[in-house]
Amino acid sequence: MAVVFISPKQRQKMFFMGITIMFLLFLAITALSVFLSKPQEVSPALVFNKPKVNIDFSVVDSEQFKNLESFAKMETQFSYKAVAEKGKIVTGLISAVSIDEAKNILASIDLTVTEIKEVEPGRENPFTPYFQEAVVPKSK
């Protein structure tokens, strides 16, 4: 029978100790290489290549450009209360570019404006459906 001076537990302990030391050595070398490295030098000269752009302004003088129409102004919706000729109170909505134009439009249809204000966009409860079917109860 062979005489073994190191027990199996001692051999296993030495094996794990060797692996741990190798791992820690690897981590130390990696950490030192990362933390001790310096960033690469950037060249201090800033290079700007001016693009060669030619703008052709002869388009502005063309007939197509001269015949262009400007965009229509955005109309805002206004709610109003007005009095008709016979004293009847009329309420409604009108779309116009400004409040003054809305008043002029209402005056042109013979309404005297008592109150006019801009309608805020959106709805009070955005989750209500736009159209609801009327439920008619069945008659007996």
N, C-alpha and C. Protein backbone atom coordinates (compact mmCIF):
# COMPACT_ATOMS: atom_id res chain seq x y z
N MET A 1 0.83 -1.15 0.00
CA MET A 1 0.00 0.00 0.00
C MET A 1 0.89 1.24 0.00
N ALA A 2 0.46 2.23 -0.80
CA ALA A 2 1.28 3.43 -0.94
C ALA A 2 1.01 4.36 0.23
N VAL A 3 2.06 5.03 0.59
CA VAL A 3 1.95 5.98 1.69
C VAL A 3 1.70 7.37 1.08
N VAL A 4 0.54 7.97 1.43
CA VAL A 4 0.17 9.29 0.92
C VAL A 4 0.24 10.25 2.09
N PHE A 5 1.03 11.32 1.90
CA PHE A 5 1.21 12.28 2.98
C PHE A 5 0.13 13.37 2.98
N ILE A 6 -0.54 13.58 1.84
CA ILE A 6 -1.58 14.62 1.76
C ILE A 6 -2.93 13.91 1.69
N SER A 7 -3.84 14.31 2.55
CA SER A 7 -5.16 13.69 2.59
C SER A 7 -6.02 14.24 1.43
N PRO A 8 -7.06 13.50 1.03
CA PRO A 8 -7.92 13.96 -0.07
C PRO A 8 -8.58 15.32 0.22
N LYS A 9 -8.94 15.60 1.45
CA LYS A 9 -9.53 16.89 1.79
C LYS A 9 -8.51 18.01 1.60
N GLN A 10 -7.27 17.72 2.03
CA GLN A 10 -6.20 18.71 1.89
C GLN A 10 -5.92 18.96 0.40
N ARG A 11 -5.96 17.91 -0.41
CA ARG A 11 -5.72 18.04 -1.85
C ARG A 11 -6.83 18.88 -2.50
N GLN A 12 -8.08 18.62 -2.11
CA GLN A 12 -9.20 19.39 -2.64
C GLN A 12 -9.10 20.85 -2.22
N LYS A 13 -8.69 21.11 -0.99
CA LYS A 13 -8.54 22.46 -0.49
C LYS A 13 -7.45 23.19 -1.27
N MET A 14 -6.35 22.52 -1.57
CA MET A 14 -5.26 23.12 -2.35
C MET A 14 -5.71 23.43 -3.78
N PHE A 15 -6.53 22.53 -4.37
CA PHE A 15 -7.02 22.74 -5.73
C PHE A 15 -7.90 24.00 -5.81
N PHE A 16 -8.84 24.14 -4.89
CA PHE A 16 -9.70 25.32 -4.88
C PHE A 16 -8.93 26.59 -4.55
N MET A 17 -7.94 26.48 -3.69
CA MET A 17 -7.11 27.62 -3.36
C MET A 17 -6.33 28.07 -4.59
N GLY A 18 -5.81 27.14 -5.38
CA GLY A 18 -5.08 27.47 -6.61
C GLY A 18 -5.99 28.17 -7.62
N ILE A 19 -7.21 27.65 -7.79
CA ILE A 19 -8.16 28.27 -8.73
C ILE A 19 -8.52 29.67 -8.26
N THR A 20 -8.74 29.86 -6.96
CA THR A 20 -9.08 31.18 -6.41
C THR A 20 -7.94 32.17 -6.62
N ILE A 21 -6.71 31.73 -6.38
CA ILE A 21 -5.55 32.61 -6.56
C ILE A 21 -5.40 32.99 -8.03
N MET A 22 -5.59 32.05 -8.94
CA MET A 22 -5.49 32.35 -10.38
C MET A 22 -6.59 33.35 -10.79
N PHE A 23 -7.80 33.18 -10.28
CA PHE A 23 -8.90 34.08 -10.60
C PHE A 23 -8.62 35.49 -10.08
N LEU A 24 -8.16 35.59 -8.85
CA LEU A 24 -7.85 36.90 -8.28
C LEU A 24 -6.69 37.57 -9.01
N LEU A 25 -5.70 36.78 -9.43
CA LEU A 25 -4.59 37.32 -10.20
C LEU A 25 -5.07 37.85 -11.55
N PHE A 26 -5.98 37.11 -12.20
CA PHE A 26 -6.56 37.55 -13.47
C PHE A 26 -7.34 38.86 -13.28
N LEU A 27 -8.15 38.94 -12.22
CA LEU A 27 -8.90 40.17 -11.95
C LEU A 27 -7.98 41.35 -11.68
N ALA A 28 -6.92 41.13 -10.93
CA ALA A 28 -5.98 42.21 -10.61
C ALA A 28 -5.30 42.71 -11.88
N ILE A 29 -4.86 41.81 -12.75
CA ILE A 29 -4.20 42.23 -13.99
C ILE A 29 -5.16 42.99 -14.89
N THR A 30 -6.40 42.50 -14.98
CA THR A 30 -7.41 43.19 -15.81
C THR A 30 -7.72 44.57 -15.24
N ALA A 31 -7.89 44.67 -13.93
CA ALA A 31 -8.20 45.96 -13.31
C ALA A 31 -7.06 46.95 -13.50
N LEU A 32 -5.83 46.49 -13.32
CA LEU A 32 -4.68 47.38 -13.50
C LEU A 32 -4.56 47.84 -14.96
N SER A 33 -4.82 46.94 -15.89
CA SER A 33 -4.72 47.34 -17.30
C SER A 33 -5.80 48.34 -17.67
N VAL A 34 -6.98 48.25 -17.04
CA VAL A 34 -8.07 49.19 -17.34
C VAL A 34 -7.83 50.52 -16.65
N PHE A 35 -7.52 50.51 -15.36
CA PHE A 35 -7.42 51.75 -14.61
C PHE A 35 -6.13 52.51 -14.87
N LEU A 36 -5.09 51.85 -15.25
CA LEU A 36 -3.83 52.54 -15.47
C LEU A 36 -3.64 52.96 -16.93
N SER A 37 -4.55 52.58 -17.81
CA SER A 37 -4.40 52.97 -19.21
C SER A 37 -4.82 54.44 -19.38
N LYS A 38 -4.20 55.12 -20.29
CA LYS A 38 -4.50 56.53 -20.55
C LYS A 38 -5.35 56.62 -21.81
N PRO A 39 -6.21 57.64 -21.88
CA PRO A 39 -7.00 57.80 -23.11
C PRO A 39 -6.12 58.20 -24.29
N GLN A 40 -6.58 57.88 -25.48
CA GLN A 40 -5.81 58.21 -26.67
C GLN A 40 -5.86 59.72 -26.91
N GLU A 41 -4.77 60.24 -27.42
CA GLU A 41 -4.68 61.67 -27.70
C GLU A 41 -5.54 62.02 -28.91
N VAL A 42 -6.25 63.15 -28.81
CA VAL A 42 -7.07 63.64 -29.90
C VAL A 42 -6.31 64.78 -30.56
N SER A 43 -6.32 64.80 -31.87
CA SER A 43 -5.57 65.85 -32.55
C SER A 43 -6.21 67.21 -32.24
N PRO A 44 -5.41 68.20 -31.84
CA PRO A 44 -5.95 69.49 -31.45
C PRO A 44 -6.46 70.31 -32.63
N ALA A 45 -6.02 70.03 -33.81
CA ALA A 45 -6.45 70.80 -34.98
C ALA A 45 -7.87 70.41 -35.36
N LEU A 46 -8.76 71.38 -35.41
CA LEU A 46 -10.13 71.15 -35.78
C LEU A 46 -10.26 71.38 -37.28
N VAL A 47 -10.76 70.40 -37.97
CA VAL A 47 -10.84 70.48 -39.42
C VAL A 47 -12.28 70.78 -39.82
N PHE A 48 -12.48 71.85 -40.58
CA PHE A 48 -13.80 72.20 -41.08
C PHE A 48 -13.73 72.30 -42.59
N ASN A 49 -14.43 71.41 -43.23
CA ASN A 49 -14.48 71.44 -44.69
C ASN A 49 -15.74 72.20 -45.10
N LYS A 50 -15.56 73.37 -45.64
CA LYS A 50 -16.68 74.21 -46.03
C LYS A 50 -17.38 73.57 -47.23
N PRO A 51 -18.68 73.30 -47.10
CA PRO A 51 -19.38 72.68 -48.22
C PRO A 51 -19.52 73.68 -49.37
N LYS A 52 -19.50 73.14 -50.56
CA LYS A 52 -19.65 73.98 -51.75
C LYS A 52 -21.12 73.97 -52.15
N VAL A 53 -21.84 74.99 -51.67
CA VAL A 53 -23.28 75.08 -51.92
C VAL A 53 -23.54 76.32 -52.77
N ASN A 54 -24.25 76.12 -53.83
CA ASN A 54 -24.65 77.23 -54.69
C ASN A 54 -26.17 77.35 -54.62
N ILE A 55 -26.65 78.52 -54.22
CA ILE A 55 -28.08 78.75 -54.12
C ILE A 55 -28.53 79.49 -55.37
N ASP A 56 -29.49 78.90 -56.04
CA ASP A 56 -29.98 79.47 -57.28
C ASP A 56 -31.19 80.36 -56.98
N PHE A 57 -30.98 81.69 -56.94
CA PHE A 57 -32.05 82.63 -56.65
C PHE A 57 -32.85 83.01 -57.89
N SER A 58 -32.52 82.46 -59.02
CA SER A 58 -33.27 82.77 -60.23
C SER A 58 -34.68 82.19 -60.16
N VAL A 59 -34.91 81.23 -59.26
CA VAL A 59 -36.24 80.64 -59.07
C VAL A 59 -37.21 81.70 -58.56
N VAL A 60 -36.72 82.63 -57.75
CA VAL A 60 -37.57 83.67 -57.18
C VAL A 60 -38.12 84.56 -58.29
N ASP A 61 -37.40 84.73 -59.36
CA ASP A 61 -37.84 85.59 -60.45
C ASP A 61 -38.74 84.87 -61.46
N SER A 62 -38.96 83.57 -61.30
CA SER A 62 -39.74 82.82 -62.27
C SER A 62 -41.23 83.13 -62.13
N GLU A 63 -41.99 82.82 -63.16
CA GLU A 63 -43.43 83.07 -63.18
C GLU A 63 -44.17 82.16 -62.20
N GLN A 64 -43.71 80.92 -62.06
CA GLN A 64 -44.35 79.98 -61.13
C GLN A 64 -44.28 80.51 -59.71
N PHE A 65 -43.15 81.09 -59.35
CA PHE A 65 -42.99 81.61 -58.00
C PHE A 65 -43.87 82.84 -57.79
N LYS A 66 -43.99 83.68 -58.80
CA LYS A 66 -44.80 84.89 -58.67
C LYS A 66 -46.28 84.57 -58.59
N ASN A 67 -46.70 83.42 -59.13
CA ASN A 67 -48.12 83.05 -59.12
C ASN A 67 -48.53 82.25 -57.89
N LEU A 68 -47.62 82.04 -56.97
CA LEU A 68 -47.97 81.30 -55.75
C LEU A 68 -48.93 82.10 -54.89
N GLU A 69 -49.84 81.38 -54.21
CA GLU A 69 -50.79 82.02 -53.31
C GLU A 69 -50.38 81.70 -51.87
N SER A 70 -50.60 82.66 -50.99
CA SER A 70 -50.23 82.43 -49.59
C SER A 70 -51.23 81.47 -48.94
N PHE A 71 -50.85 80.88 -47.84
CA PHE A 71 -51.71 79.95 -47.13
C PHE A 71 -52.90 80.69 -46.54
N ALA A 72 -54.01 80.00 -46.46
CA ALA A 72 -55.19 80.57 -45.82
C ALA A 72 -54.96 80.61 -44.31
N LYS A 73 -55.47 81.64 -43.68
CA LYS A 73 -55.28 81.75 -42.23
C LYS A 73 -56.16 80.72 -41.54
N MET A 74 -55.67 80.24 -40.40
CA MET A 74 -56.37 79.21 -39.65
C MET A 74 -57.58 79.83 -38.94
N GLU A 75 -58.72 79.21 -39.10
CA GLU A 75 -59.93 79.73 -38.47
C GLU A 75 -60.10 79.12 -37.10
N THR A 76 -60.59 79.93 -36.18
CA THR A 76 -60.86 79.50 -34.81
C THR A 76 -62.36 79.45 -34.63
N GLN A 77 -62.81 78.57 -33.76
CA GLN A 77 -64.24 78.45 -33.52
C GLN A 77 -64.63 79.29 -32.31
N PHE A 78 -65.73 80.02 -32.45
CA PHE A 78 -66.23 80.88 -31.39
C PHE A 78 -67.67 80.49 -31.08
N SER A 79 -68.02 80.53 -29.79
CA SER A 79 -69.42 80.35 -29.41
C SER A 79 -69.99 81.73 -29.14
N TYR A 80 -71.25 81.92 -29.50
CA TYR A 80 -71.83 83.25 -29.35
C TYR A 80 -73.25 83.16 -28.84
N LYS A 81 -73.68 84.26 -28.22
CA LYS A 81 -75.08 84.50 -27.88
C LYS A 81 -75.42 85.83 -28.53
N ALA A 82 -76.48 85.86 -29.26
CA ALA A 82 -76.86 87.07 -29.98
C ALA A 82 -78.37 87.24 -29.93
N VAL A 83 -78.79 88.46 -30.23
CA VAL A 83 -80.21 88.79 -30.25
C VAL A 83 -80.59 89.07 -31.70
N ALA A 84 -81.63 88.40 -32.16
CA ALA A 84 -82.12 88.60 -33.53
C ALA A 84 -82.99 89.85 -33.58
N GLU A 85 -83.49 90.18 -34.76
CA GLU A 85 -84.29 91.39 -34.95
C GLU A 85 -85.56 91.40 -34.10
N LYS A 86 -86.17 90.25 -33.93
CA LYS A 86 -87.44 90.18 -33.21
C LYS A 86 -87.26 89.99 -31.71
N GLY A 87 -86.03 90.08 -31.20
CA GLY A 87 -85.77 89.93 -29.77
C GLY A 87 -85.52 88.49 -29.36
N LYS A 88 -85.43 87.60 -30.33
CA LYS A 88 -85.18 86.19 -30.04
C LYS A 88 -83.69 85.99 -29.76
N ILE A 89 -83.36 85.25 -28.69
CA ILE A 89 -81.96 84.97 -28.35
C ILE A 89 -81.50 83.76 -29.15
N VAL A 90 -80.35 83.94 -29.83
CA VAL A 90 -79.80 82.88 -30.68
C VAL A 90 -78.42 82.52 -30.13
N THR A 91 -78.15 81.22 -30.00
CA THR A 91 -76.82 80.76 -29.60
C THR A 91 -76.29 79.83 -30.68
N GLY A 92 -74.98 79.77 -30.79
CA GLY A 92 -74.40 78.88 -31.80
C GLY A 92 -72.90 78.99 -31.86
N LEU A 93 -72.35 78.37 -32.88
CA LEU A 93 -70.90 78.36 -33.11
C LEU A 93 -70.62 78.99 -34.46
N ILE A 94 -69.49 79.70 -34.55
CA ILE A 94 -69.08 80.30 -35.81
C ILE A 94 -67.57 80.18 -35.92
N SER A 95 -67.09 79.95 -37.13
CA SER A 95 -65.65 79.86 -37.37
C SER A 95 -65.18 81.12 -38.07
N ALA A 96 -64.11 81.70 -37.56
CA ALA A 96 -63.54 82.91 -38.14
C ALA A 96 -62.08 83.00 -37.77
N VAL A 97 -61.35 83.89 -38.48
CA VAL A 97 -59.92 84.06 -38.21
C VAL A 97 -59.70 84.79 -36.90
N SER A 98 -60.55 85.79 -36.60
CA SER A 98 -60.41 86.55 -35.36
C SER A 98 -61.79 86.83 -34.78
N ILE A 99 -61.80 87.33 -33.56
CA ILE A 99 -63.06 87.64 -32.90
C ILE A 99 -63.78 88.79 -33.60
N ASP A 100 -63.01 89.75 -34.12
CA ASP A 100 -63.61 90.88 -34.82
C ASP A 100 -64.30 90.43 -36.10
N GLU A 101 -63.66 89.52 -36.83
CA GLU A 101 -64.27 89.00 -38.05
C GLU A 101 -65.54 88.21 -37.73
N ALA A 102 -65.53 87.46 -36.61
CA ALA A 102 -66.72 86.72 -36.20
C ALA A 102 -67.86 87.69 -35.89
N LYS A 103 -67.55 88.80 -35.22
CA LYS A 103 -68.58 89.80 -34.93
C LYS A 103 -69.12 90.41 -36.22
N ASN A 104 -68.24 90.67 -37.18
CA ASN A 104 -68.68 91.24 -38.46
C ASN A 104 -69.58 90.27 -39.22
N ILE A 105 -69.24 88.99 -39.19
CA ILE A 105 -70.07 87.99 -39.87
C ILE A 105 -71.46 87.92 -39.24
N LEU A 106 -71.48 87.94 -37.90
CA LEU A 106 -72.78 87.90 -37.20
C LEU A 106 -73.58 89.17 -37.45
N ALA A 107 -72.91 90.31 -37.53
CA ALA A 107 -73.61 91.56 -37.81
C ALA A 107 -74.16 91.57 -39.23
N SER A 108 -73.46 90.89 -40.16
CA SER A 108 -73.94 90.86 -41.55
C SER A 108 -75.20 90.02 -41.71
N ILE A 109 -75.48 89.13 -40.76
CA ILE A 109 -76.73 88.34 -40.82
C ILE A 109 -77.75 88.89 -39.82
N ASP A 110 -77.60 90.17 -39.48
CA ASP A 110 -78.55 90.91 -38.64
C ASP A 110 -78.71 90.33 -37.24
N LEU A 111 -77.58 90.01 -36.61
CA LEU A 111 -77.59 89.57 -35.22
C LEU A 111 -76.80 90.56 -34.39
N THR A 112 -77.32 90.90 -33.21
CA THR A 112 -76.61 91.78 -32.28
C THR A 112 -75.93 90.89 -31.25
N VAL A 113 -74.62 90.91 -31.23
CA VAL A 113 -73.84 90.00 -30.38
C VAL A 113 -73.88 90.50 -28.94
N THR A 114 -74.27 89.62 -28.02
CA THR A 114 -74.24 89.96 -26.60
C THR A 114 -73.04 89.31 -25.91
N GLU A 115 -72.67 88.13 -26.36
CA GLU A 115 -71.52 87.44 -25.75
C GLU A 115 -70.86 86.58 -26.83
N ILE A 116 -69.53 86.64 -26.86
CA ILE A 116 -68.78 85.81 -27.81
C ILE A 116 -67.47 85.41 -27.15
N LYS A 117 -67.12 84.13 -27.26
CA LYS A 117 -65.85 83.67 -26.68
C LYS A 117 -65.31 82.52 -27.51
N GLU A 118 -63.99 82.34 -27.42
CA GLU A 118 -63.32 81.29 -28.18
C GLU A 118 -63.60 79.94 -27.54
N VAL A 119 -63.88 78.96 -28.37
CA VAL A 119 -64.14 77.61 -27.88
C VAL A 119 -62.81 76.93 -27.62
N GLU A 120 -62.65 76.35 -26.44
CA GLU A 120 -61.43 75.63 -26.08
C GLU A 120 -61.42 74.28 -26.81
N PRO A 121 -60.26 73.86 -27.28
CA PRO A 121 -60.21 72.57 -27.98
C PRO A 121 -60.38 71.41 -27.01
N GLY A 122 -60.90 70.32 -27.51
CA GLY A 122 -61.04 69.11 -26.69
C GLY A 122 -62.43 68.99 -26.09
N ARG A 123 -62.60 67.94 -25.29
CA ARG A 123 -63.88 67.68 -24.64
C ARG A 123 -63.64 67.54 -23.15
N GLU A 124 -64.69 67.72 -22.37
CA GLU A 124 -64.56 67.60 -20.93
C GLU A 124 -64.22 66.16 -20.54
N ASN A 125 -64.90 65.21 -21.12
CA ASN A 125 -64.64 63.80 -20.84
C ASN A 125 -64.27 63.13 -22.16
N PRO A 126 -62.99 62.84 -22.37
CA PRO A 126 -62.58 62.28 -23.66
C PRO A 126 -63.01 60.84 -23.87
N PHE A 127 -63.57 60.20 -22.84
CA PHE A 127 -63.93 58.79 -22.96
C PHE A 127 -65.39 58.58 -23.33
N THR A 128 -66.17 59.64 -23.42
CA THR A 128 -67.55 59.47 -23.85
C THR A 128 -67.57 59.29 -25.37
N PRO A 129 -68.41 58.42 -25.87
CA PRO A 129 -68.43 58.19 -27.32
C PRO A 129 -69.03 59.41 -28.04
N TYR A 130 -68.62 59.60 -29.30
CA TYR A 130 -69.13 60.71 -30.08
C TYR A 130 -70.61 60.53 -30.40
N PHE A 131 -70.95 59.33 -30.80
CA PHE A 131 -72.32 59.07 -31.20
C PHE A 131 -72.88 57.95 -30.33
N GLN A 132 -74.02 58.18 -29.72
CA GLN A 132 -74.67 57.15 -28.93
C GLN A 132 -76.00 56.83 -29.58
N GLU A 133 -76.28 55.56 -29.66
CA GLU A 133 -77.56 55.16 -30.22
C GLU A 133 -78.64 55.40 -29.17
N ALA A 134 -79.73 55.97 -29.61
CA ALA A 134 -80.85 56.21 -28.70
C ALA A 134 -81.55 54.88 -28.45
N VAL A 135 -81.71 54.54 -27.19
CA VAL A 135 -82.38 53.31 -26.83
C VAL A 135 -83.85 53.62 -26.66
N VAL A 136 -84.67 53.01 -27.49
CA VAL A 136 -86.12 53.23 -27.43
C VAL A 136 -86.74 52.08 -26.65
N PRO A 137 -87.44 52.39 -25.54
CA PRO A 137 -88.03 51.29 -24.77
C PRO A 137 -89.20 50.67 -25.54
N LYS A 138 -89.30 49.37 -25.39
CA LYS A 138 -90.37 48.65 -26.08
C LYS A 138 -91.71 48.97 -25.42
N SER A 139 -92.70 49.23 -26.24
CA SER A 139 -94.04 49.51 -25.67
C SER A 139 -94.80 48.20 -25.54
N LYS A 140 -95.65 48.13 -24.51
CA LYS A 140 -96.40 46.89 -24.26
C LYS A 140 -97.73 46.92 -24.88
